[in-house]
PDB file of N, CA and C in Angstrom:
ATOM      1  N   MET A   1     -65.552-106.269  74.258  1.00  0.00           N
ATOM      2  CA  MET A   1     -66.243-106.652  75.463  1.00  0.00           C
ATOM      3  C   MET A   1     -66.871-108.037  75.282  1.00  0.00           C
ATOM      4  N   ALA A   2     -66.608-108.934  76.175  1.00  0.00           N
ATOM      5  CA  ALA A   2     -67.143-110.294  76.088  1.00  0.00           C
ATOM      6  C   ALA A   2     -68.537-110.338  76.704  1.00  0.00           C
ATOM      7  N   GLU A   3     -69.386-111.137  76.076  1.00  0.00           N
ATOM      8  CA  GLU A   3     -70.733-111.332  76.584  1.00  0.00           C
ATOM      9  C   GLU A   3     -70.718-112.375  77.695  1.00  0.00           C
ATOM     10  N   THR A   4     -71.488-112.140  78.743  1.00  0.00           N
ATOM     11  CA  THR A   4     -71.615-113.142  79.796  1.00  0.00           C
ATOM     12  C   THR A   4     -72.603-114.202  79.333  1.00  0.00           C
ATOM     13  N   ARG A   5     -72.658-115.289  80.071  1.00  0.00           N
ATOM     14  CA  ARG A   5     -73.611-116.355  79.724  1.00  0.00           C
ATOM     15  C   ARG A   5     -75.045-115.852  79.785  1.00  0.00           C
ATOM     16  N   PHE A   6     -75.341-115.014  80.781  1.00  0.00           N
ATOM     17  CA  PHE A   6     -76.693-114.478  80.912  1.00  0.00           C
ATOM     18  C   PHE A   6     -77.056-113.618  79.706  1.00  0.00           C
ATOM     19  N   GLU A   7     -76.139-112.754  79.280  1.00  0.00           N
ATOM     20  CA  GLU A   7     -76.410-111.892  78.127  1.00  0.00           C
ATOM     21  C   GLU A   7     -76.577-112.714  76.861  1.00  0.00           C
ATOM     22  N   SER A   8     -75.780-113.759  76.708  1.00  0.00           N
ATOM     23  CA  SER A   8     -75.875-114.616  75.543  1.00  0.00           C
ATOM     24  C   SER A   8     -77.211-115.359  75.533  1.00  0.00           C
ATOM     25  N   ALA A   9     -77.600-115.910  76.673  1.00  0.00           N
ATOM     26  CA  ALA A   9     -78.880-116.617  76.767  1.00  0.00           C
ATOM     27  C   ALA A   9     -80.034-115.653  76.518  1.00  0.00           C
ATOM     28  N   ARG A  10     -79.912-114.453  77.033  1.00  0.00           N
ATOM     29  CA  ARG A  10     -80.963-113.440  76.840  1.00  0.00           C
ATOM     30  C   ARG A  10     -81.068-113.061  75.365  1.00  0.00           C
ATOM     31  N   SER A  11     -79.942-112.941  74.694  1.00  0.00           N
ATOM     32  CA  SER A  11     -79.942-112.624  73.263  1.00  0.00           C
ATOM     33  C   SER A  11     -80.641-113.727  72.472  1.00  0.00           C
ATOM     34  N   TRP A  12     -80.325-114.985  72.810  1.00  0.00           N
ATOM     35  CA  TRP A  12     -80.969-116.108  72.126  1.00  0.00           C
ATOM     36  C   TRP A  12     -82.475-116.138  72.396  1.00  0.00           C
ATOM     37  N   LEU A  13     -82.851-115.841  73.635  1.00  0.00           N
ATOM     38  CA  LEU A  13     -84.278-115.814  73.977  1.00  0.00           C
ATOM     39  C   LEU A  13     -85.013-114.794  73.121  1.00  0.00           C
ATOM     40  N   PHE A  14     -84.462-113.597  73.019  1.00  0.00           N
ATOM     41  CA  PHE A  14     -85.125-112.562  72.231  1.00  0.00           C
ATOM     42  C   PHE A  14     -85.109-112.896  70.741  1.00  0.00           C
ATOM     43  N   LEU A  15     -84.078-113.550  70.279  1.00  0.00           N
ATOM     44  CA  LEU A  15     -84.033-113.979  68.890  1.00  0.00           C
ATOM     45  C   LEU A  15     -85.124-115.005  68.601  1.00  0.00           C
ATOM     46  N   VAL A  16     -85.297-115.964  69.484  1.00  0.00           N
ATOM     47  CA  VAL A  16     -86.341-116.981  69.322  1.00  0.00           C
ATOM     48  C   VAL A  16     -87.729-116.347  69.415  1.00  0.00           C
ATOM     49  N   LEU A  17     -87.929-115.461  70.395  1.00  0.00           N
ATOM     50  CA  LEU A  17     -89.225-114.786  70.526  1.00  0.00           C
ATOM     51  C   LEU A  17     -89.540-113.939  69.298  1.00  0.00           C
ATOM     52  N   SER A  18     -88.535-113.314  68.739  1.00  0.00           N
ATOM     53  CA  SER A  18     -88.724-112.538  67.516  1.00  0.00           C
ATOM     54  C   SER A  18     -89.172-113.434  66.364  1.00  0.00           C
ATOM     55  N   GLY A  19     -88.561-114.594  66.254  1.00  0.00           N
ATOM     56  CA  GLY A  19     -88.953-115.545  65.217  1.00  0.00           C
ATOM     57  C   GLY A  19     -90.380-116.029  65.386  1.00  0.00           C
ATOM     58  N   VAL A  20     -90.768-116.313  66.621  1.00  0.00           N
ATOM     59  CA  VAL A  20     -92.142-116.752  66.900  1.00  0.00           C
ATOM     60  C   VAL A  20     -93.132-115.638  66.546  1.00  0.00           C
ATOM     61  N   ALA A  21     -92.819-114.416  66.963  1.00  0.00           N
ATOM     62  CA  ALA A  21     -93.707-113.280  66.669  1.00  0.00           C
ATOM     63  C   ALA A  21     -93.835-113.055  65.166  1.00  0.00           C
ATOM     64  N   THR A  22     -92.729-113.212  64.450  1.00  0.00           N
ATOM     65  CA  THR A  22     -92.766-113.041  62.995  1.00  0.00           C
ATOM     66  C   THR A  22     -93.629-114.110  62.344  1.00  0.00           C
ATOM     67  N   GLY A  23     -93.470-115.345  62.788  1.00  0.00           N
ATOM     68  CA  GLY A  23     -94.291-116.434  62.250  1.00  0.00           C
ATOM     69  C   GLY A  23     -95.768-116.225  62.516  1.00  0.00           C
ATOM     70  N   LEU A  24     -96.097-115.825  63.735  1.00  0.00           N
ATOM     71  CA  LEU A  24     -97.503-115.559  64.065  1.00  0.00           C
ATOM     72  C   LEU A  24     -98.051-114.384  63.261  1.00  0.00           C
ATOM     73  N   SER A  25     -97.220-113.391  63.045  1.00  0.00           N
ATOM     74  CA  SER A  25     -97.627-112.241  62.245  1.00  0.00           C
ATOM     75  C   SER A  25     -98.004-112.664  60.825  1.00  0.00           C
ATOM     76  N   TRP A  26     -97.179-113.514  60.226  1.00  0.00           N
ATOM     77  CA  TRP A  26     -97.482-113.980  58.872  1.00  0.00           C
ATOM     78  C   TRP A  26     -98.747-114.826  58.836  1.00  0.00           C
ATOM     79  N   LEU A  27     -98.948-115.662  59.838  1.00  0.00           N
ATOM     80  CA  LEU A  27    -100.181-116.455  59.895  1.00  0.00           C
ATOM     81  C   LEU A  27    -101.410-115.564  59.985  1.00  0.00           C
ATOM     82  N   CYS A  28    -101.331-114.532  60.817  1.00  0.00           N
ATOM     83  CA  CYS A  28    -102.449-113.587  60.947  1.00  0.00           C
ATOM     84  C   CYS A  28    -102.668-112.820  59.651  1.00  0.00           C
ATOM     85  N   TYR A  29    -101.580-112.449  58.980  1.00  0.00           N
ATOM     86  CA  TYR A  29    -101.673-111.718  57.713  1.00  0.00           C
ATOM     87  C   TYR A  29    -102.374-112.575  56.654  1.00  0.00           C
ATOM     88  N   TYR A  30    -101.975-113.841  56.529  1.00  0.00           N
ATOM     89  CA  TYR A  30    -102.604-114.705  55.539  1.00  0.00           C
ATOM     90  C   TYR A  30    -104.059-114.990  55.887  1.00  0.00           C
ATOM     91  N   ARG A  31    -104.371-115.086  57.163  1.00  0.00           N
ATOM     92  CA  ARG A  31    -105.774-115.279  57.563  1.00  0.00           C
ATOM     93  C   ARG A  31    -106.587-114.042  57.201  1.00  0.00           C
ATOM     94  N   ALA A  32    -106.023-112.867  57.435  1.00  0.00           N
ATOM     95  CA  ALA A  32    -106.723-111.637  57.068  1.00  0.00           C
ATOM     96  C   ALA A  32    -106.951-111.571  55.560  1.00  0.00           C
ATOM     97  N   LEU A  33    -105.985-112.049  54.779  1.00  0.00           N
ATOM     98  CA  LEU A  33    -106.157-112.070  53.327  1.00  0.00           C
ATOM     99  C   LEU A  33    -107.274-113.014  52.908  1.00  0.00           C
ATOM    100  N   GLN A  34    -107.483-114.087  53.674  1.00  0.00           N
ATOM    101  CA  GLN A  34    -108.596-114.992  53.381  1.00  0.00           C
ATOM    102  C   GLN A  34    -109.939-114.342  53.678  1.00  0.00           C
ATOM    103  N   LEU A  35    -109.954-113.472  54.683  1.00  0.00           N
ATOM    104  CA  LEU A  35    -111.208-112.867  55.132  1.00  0.00           C
ATOM    105  C   LEU A  35    -111.556-111.560  54.425  1.00  0.00           C
ATOM    106  N   GLY A  36    -110.565-110.865  53.902  1.00  0.00           N
ATOM    107  CA  GLY A  36    -110.830-109.559  53.309  1.00  0.00           C
ATOM    108  C   GLY A  36    -110.010-109.322  52.062  1.00  0.00           C
ATOM    109  N   PRO A  37    -110.351-108.263  51.329  1.00  0.00           N
ATOM    110  CA  PRO A  37    -109.624-107.960  50.091  1.00  0.00           C
ATOM    111  C   PRO A  37    -108.212-107.457  50.383  1.00  0.00           C
ATOM    112  N   VAL A  38    -107.288-107.842  49.523  1.00  0.00           N
ATOM    113  CA  VAL A  38    -105.894-107.460  49.706  1.00  0.00           C
ATOM    114  C   VAL A  38    -105.734-105.938  49.692  1.00  0.00           C
ATOM    115  N   SER A  39    -106.599-105.241  48.982  1.00  0.00           N
ATOM    116  CA  SER A  39    -106.508-103.777  48.914  1.00  0.00           C
ATOM    117  C   SER A  39    -106.796-103.122  50.258  1.00  0.00           C
ATOM    118  N   LYS A  40    -107.422-103.832  51.155  1.00  0.00           N
ATOM    119  CA  LYS A  40    -107.683-103.310  52.503  1.00  0.00           C
ATOM    120  C   LYS A  40    -106.720-103.896  53.533  1.00  0.00           C
ATOM    121  N   VAL A  41    -106.303-105.128  53.340  1.00  0.00           N
ATOM    122  CA  VAL A  41    -105.435-105.811  54.311  1.00  0.00           C
ATOM    123  C   VAL A  41    -103.998-105.294  54.239  1.00  0.00           C
ATOM    124  N   ALA A  42    -103.458-105.150  53.046  1.00  0.00           N
ATOM    125  CA  ALA A  42    -102.054-104.757  52.885  1.00  0.00           C
ATOM    126  C   ALA A  42    -101.751-103.384  53.499  1.00  0.00           C
ATOM    127  N   PRO A  43    -102.595-102.369  53.299  1.00  0.00           N
ATOM    128  CA  PRO A  43    -102.295-101.077  53.930  1.00  0.00           C
ATOM    129  C   PRO A  43    -102.289-101.142  55.458  1.00  0.00           C
ATOM    130  N   ILE A  44    -103.164-101.951  56.015  1.00  0.00           N
ATOM    131  CA  ILE A  44    -103.183-102.105  57.474  1.00  0.00           C
ATOM    132  C   ILE A  44    -101.877-102.750  57.933  1.00  0.00           C
ATOM    133  N   ASP A  45    -101.389-103.712  57.165  1.00  0.00           N
ATOM    134  CA  ASP A  45    -100.115-104.350  57.488  1.00  0.00           C
ATOM    135  C   ASP A  45     -98.977-103.336  57.468  1.00  0.00           C
ATOM    136  N   LYS A  46     -99.007-102.410  56.541  1.00  0.00           N
ATOM    137  CA  LYS A  46     -97.934-101.412  56.432  1.00  0.00           C
ATOM    138  C   LYS A  46     -97.946-100.430  57.594  1.00  0.00           C
ATOM    139  N   LEU A  47     -99.045-100.320  58.306  1.00  0.00           N
ATOM    140  CA  LEU A  47     -99.094 -99.451  59.484  1.00  0.00           C
ATOM    141  C   LEU A  47     -98.151 -99.938  60.582  1.00  0.00           C
ATOM    142  N   SER A  48     -97.688-101.181  60.466  1.00  0.00           N
ATOM    143  CA  SER A  48     -96.741-101.698  61.462  1.00  0.00           C
ATOM    144  C   SER A  48     -95.441-100.900  61.453  1.00  0.00           C
ATOM    145  N   VAL A  49     -95.102-100.304  60.314  1.00  0.00           N
ATOM    146  CA  VAL A  49     -93.898 -99.469  60.251  1.00  0.00           C
ATOM    147  C   VAL A  49     -94.066 -98.238  61.141  1.00  0.00           C
ATOM    148  N   ALA A  50     -95.226 -97.593  61.043  1.00  0.00           N
ATOM    149  CA  ALA A  50     -95.498 -96.424  61.888  1.00  0.00           C
ATOM    150  C   ALA A  50     -95.534 -96.822  63.365  1.00  0.00           C
ATOM    151  N   LEU A  51     -96.110 -97.973  63.655  1.00  0.00           N
ATOM    152  CA  LEU A  51     -96.145 -98.462  65.034  1.00  0.00           C
ATOM    153  C   LEU A  51     -94.733 -98.723  65.548  1.00  0.00           C
ATOM    154  N   ALA A  52     -93.879 -99.280  64.713  1.00  0.00           N
ATOM    155  CA  ALA A  52     -92.494 -99.530  65.114  1.00  0.00           C
ATOM    156  C   ALA A  52     -91.755 -98.223  65.415  1.00  0.00           C
ATOM    157  N   ILE A  53     -92.046 -97.189  64.656  1.00  0.00           N
ATOM    158  CA  ILE A  53     -91.435 -95.882  64.927  1.00  0.00           C
ATOM    159  C   ILE A  53     -91.851 -95.386  66.306  1.00  0.00           C
ATOM    160  N   VAL A  54     -93.145 -95.444  66.595  1.00  0.00           N
ATOM    161  CA  VAL A  54     -93.656 -94.985  67.895  1.00  0.00           C
ATOM    162  C   VAL A  54     -93.055 -95.804  69.032  1.00  0.00           C
ATOM    163  N   LEU A  55     -93.044 -97.118  68.893  1.00  0.00           N
ATOM    164  CA  LEU A  55     -92.496 -97.978  69.951  1.00  0.00           C
ATOM    165  C   LEU A  55     -91.003 -97.759  70.139  1.00  0.00           C
ATOM    166  N   GLY A  56     -90.283 -97.536  69.045  1.00  0.00           N
ATOM    167  CA  GLY A  56     -88.854 -97.262  69.144  1.00  0.00           C
ATOM    168  C   GLY A  56     -88.564 -95.988  69.915  1.00  0.00           C
ATOM    169  N   VAL A  57     -89.372 -94.966  69.678  1.00  0.00           N
ATOM    170  CA  VAL A  57     -89.200 -93.696  70.390  1.00  0.00           C
ATOM    171  C   VAL A  57     -89.574 -93.849  71.863  1.00  0.00           C
ATOM    172  N   LEU A  58     -90.698 -94.514  72.133  1.00  0.00           N
ATOM    173  CA  LEU A  58     -91.188 -94.634  73.509  1.00  0.00           C
ATOM    174  C   LEU A  58     -90.356 -95.562  74.387  1.00  0.00           C
ATOM    175  N   PHE A  59     -89.931 -96.699  73.828  1.00  0.00           N
ATOM    176  CA  PHE A  59     -89.333 -97.719  74.680  1.00  0.00           C
ATOM    177  C   PHE A  59     -87.818 -97.853  74.595  1.00  0.00           C
ATOM    178  N   ILE A  60     -87.227 -97.493  73.471  1.00  0.00           N
ATOM    179  CA  ILE A  60     -85.774 -97.647  73.402  1.00  0.00           C
ATOM    180  C   ILE A  60     -85.054 -96.339  73.120  1.00  0.00           C
ATOM    181  N   GLY A  61     -85.791 -95.254  73.177  1.00  0.00           N
ATOM    182  CA  GLY A  61     -85.177 -93.937  73.119  1.00  0.00           C
ATOM    183  C   GLY A  61     -84.591 -93.533  71.786  1.00  0.00           C
ATOM    184  N   GLU A  62     -85.142 -94.042  70.695  1.00  0.00           N
ATOM    185  CA  GLU A  62     -84.661 -93.617  69.387  1.00  0.00           C
ATOM    186  C   GLU A  62     -84.982 -92.145  69.167  1.00  0.00           C
ATOM    187  N   LYS A  63     -84.134 -91.491  68.409  1.00  0.00           N
ATOM    188  CA  LYS A  63     -84.341 -90.079  68.105  1.00  0.00           C
ATOM    189  C   LYS A  63     -85.431 -89.944  67.053  1.00  0.00           C
ATOM    190  N   LEU A  64     -86.335 -89.004  67.276  1.00  0.00           N
ATOM    191  CA  LEU A  64     -87.405 -88.735  66.321  1.00  0.00           C
ATOM    192  C   LEU A  64     -87.003 -87.515  65.504  1.00  0.00           C
ATOM    193  N   THR A  65     -86.569 -87.751  64.280  1.00  0.00           N
ATOM    194  CA  THR A  65     -86.156 -86.661  63.404  1.00  0.00           C
ATOM    195  C   THR A  65     -87.345 -86.220  62.553  1.00  0.00           C
ATOM    196  N   TRP A  66     -87.184 -85.086  61.897  1.00  0.00           N
ATOM    197  CA  TRP A  66     -88.273 -84.605  61.046  1.00  0.00           C
ATOM    198  C   TRP A  66     -88.519 -85.574  59.899  1.00  0.00           C
ATOM    199  N   ALA A  67     -87.464 -86.197  59.357  1.00  0.00           N
ATOM    200  CA  ALA A  67     -87.613 -87.129  58.243  1.00  0.00           C
ATOM    201  C   ALA A  67     -88.380 -88.389  58.671  1.00  0.00           C
ATOM    202  N   VAL A  68     -88.049 -88.907  59.848  1.00  0.00           N
ATOM    203  CA  VAL A  68     -88.748 -90.095  60.353  1.00  0.00           C
ATOM    204  C   VAL A  68     -90.213 -89.757  60.650  1.00  0.00           C
ATOM    205  N   THR A  69     -90.441 -88.599  61.255  1.00  0.00           N
ATOM    206  CA  THR A  69     -91.810 -88.164  61.551  1.00  0.00           C
ATOM    207  C   THR A  69     -92.618 -88.017  60.269  1.00  0.00           C
ATOM    208  N   LEU A  70     -92.043 -87.332  59.289  1.00  0.00           N
ATOM    209  CA  LEU A  70     -92.738 -87.136  58.012  1.00  0.00           C
ATOM    210  C   LEU A  70     -93.012 -88.470  57.334  1.00  0.00           C
ATOM    211  N   GLY A  71     -92.024 -89.350  57.325  1.00  0.00           N
ATOM    212  CA  GLY A  71     -92.219 -90.661  56.720  1.00  0.00           C
ATOM    213  C   GLY A  71     -93.320 -91.454  57.396  1.00  0.00           C
ATOM    214  N   GLY A  72     -93.335 -91.452  58.731  1.00  0.00           N
ATOM    215  CA  GLY A  72     -94.388 -92.149  59.468  1.00  0.00           C
ATOM    216  C   GLY A  72     -95.762 -91.572  59.183  1.00  0.00           C
ATOM    217  N   LEU A  73     -95.856 -90.252  59.134  1.00  0.00           N
ATOM    218  CA  LEU A  73     -97.142 -89.604  58.836  1.00  0.00           C
ATOM    219  C   LEU A  73     -97.605 -89.908  57.415  1.00  0.00           C
ATOM    220  N   LEU A  74     -96.681 -89.945  56.475  1.00  0.00           N
ATOM    221  CA  LEU A  74     -97.053 -90.287  55.097  1.00  0.00           C
ATOM    222  C   LEU A  74     -97.529 -91.728  54.982  1.00  0.00           C
ATOM    223  N   ILE A  75     -96.892 -92.631  55.717  1.00  0.00           N
ATOM    224  CA  ILE A  75     -97.338 -94.032  55.722  1.00  0.00           C
ATOM    225  C   ILE A  75     -98.756 -94.123  56.267  1.00  0.00           C
ATOM    226  N   ILE A  76     -99.007 -93.426  57.373  1.00  0.00           N
ATOM    227  CA  ILE A  76    -100.345 -93.442  57.971  1.00  0.00           C
ATOM    228  C   ILE A  76    -101.365 -92.827  57.024  1.00  0.00           C
ATOM    229  N   ALA A  77    -101.050 -91.665  56.447  1.00  0.00           N
ATOM    230  CA  ALA A  77    -101.971 -90.987  55.534  1.00  0.00           C
ATOM    231  C   ALA A  77    -102.261 -91.860  54.306  1.00  0.00           C
ATOM    232  N   GLY A  78    -101.224 -92.438  53.715  1.00  0.00           N
ATOM    233  CA  GLY A  78    -101.427 -93.280  52.551  1.00  0.00           C
ATOM    234  C   GLY A  78    -102.261 -94.512  52.861  1.00  0.00           C
ATOM    235  N   SER A  79    -102.007 -95.119  53.998  1.00  0.00           N
ATOM    236  CA  SER A  79    -102.794 -96.292  54.404  1.00  0.00           C
ATOM    237  C   SER A  79    -104.264 -95.934  54.610  1.00  0.00           C
ATOM    238  N   MET A  80    -104.505 -94.808  55.259  1.00  0.00           N
ATOM    239  CA  MET A  80    -105.886 -94.376  55.518  1.00  0.00           C
ATOM    240  C   MET A  80    -106.614 -94.079  54.200  1.00  0.00           C
ATOM    241  N   ILE A  81    -105.935 -93.429  53.266  1.00  0.00           N
ATOM    242  CA  ILE A  81    -106.553 -93.120  51.969  1.00  0.00           C
ATOM    243  C   ILE A  81    -106.934 -94.401  51.252  1.00  0.00           C
ATOM    244  N   ILE A  82    -106.031 -95.376  51.224  1.00  0.00           N
ATOM    245  CA  ILE A  82    -106.305 -96.630  50.537  1.00  0.00           C
ATOM    246  C   ILE A  82    -107.428 -97.408  51.232  1.00  0.00           C
ATOM    247  N   ILE A  83    -107.418 -97.425  52.544  1.00  0.00           N
ATOM    248  CA  ILE A  83    -108.413 -98.186  53.298  1.00  0.00           C
ATOM    249  C   ILE A  83    -109.812 -97.569  53.147  1.00  0.00           C
ATOM    250  N   LEU A  84    -109.882 -96.249  53.214  1.00  0.00           N
ATOM    251  CA  LEU A  84    -111.179 -95.579  53.244  1.00  0.00           C
ATOM    252  C   LEU A  84    -111.796 -95.343  51.876  1.00  0.00           C
ATOM    253  N   PHE A  85    -110.987 -95.322  50.817  1.00  0.00           N
ATOM    254  CA  PHE A  85    -111.556 -94.976  49.508  1.00  0.00           C
ATOM    255  C   PHE A  85    -111.463 -96.094  48.521  1.00  0.00           C
TER     256      PHE A  85
END
């Protein structure tokens, strides 16, 4: 199936926006490291994986399997333990 010009332009737009979001994410991460201890900042950063799971299920209809659910819950639990203790 050939891509139309609109689909190609849309793909490039999302690719560029993804790059911008990634760059901003890293800038925010390094700023957080300047403001707080890495032992607290890094676990919060890892919560983005759990957030991606939730967003994938809600917005693009990904299947939520028991393994993905368990993995997301373990990431959240581990992050909370590290942050709080």
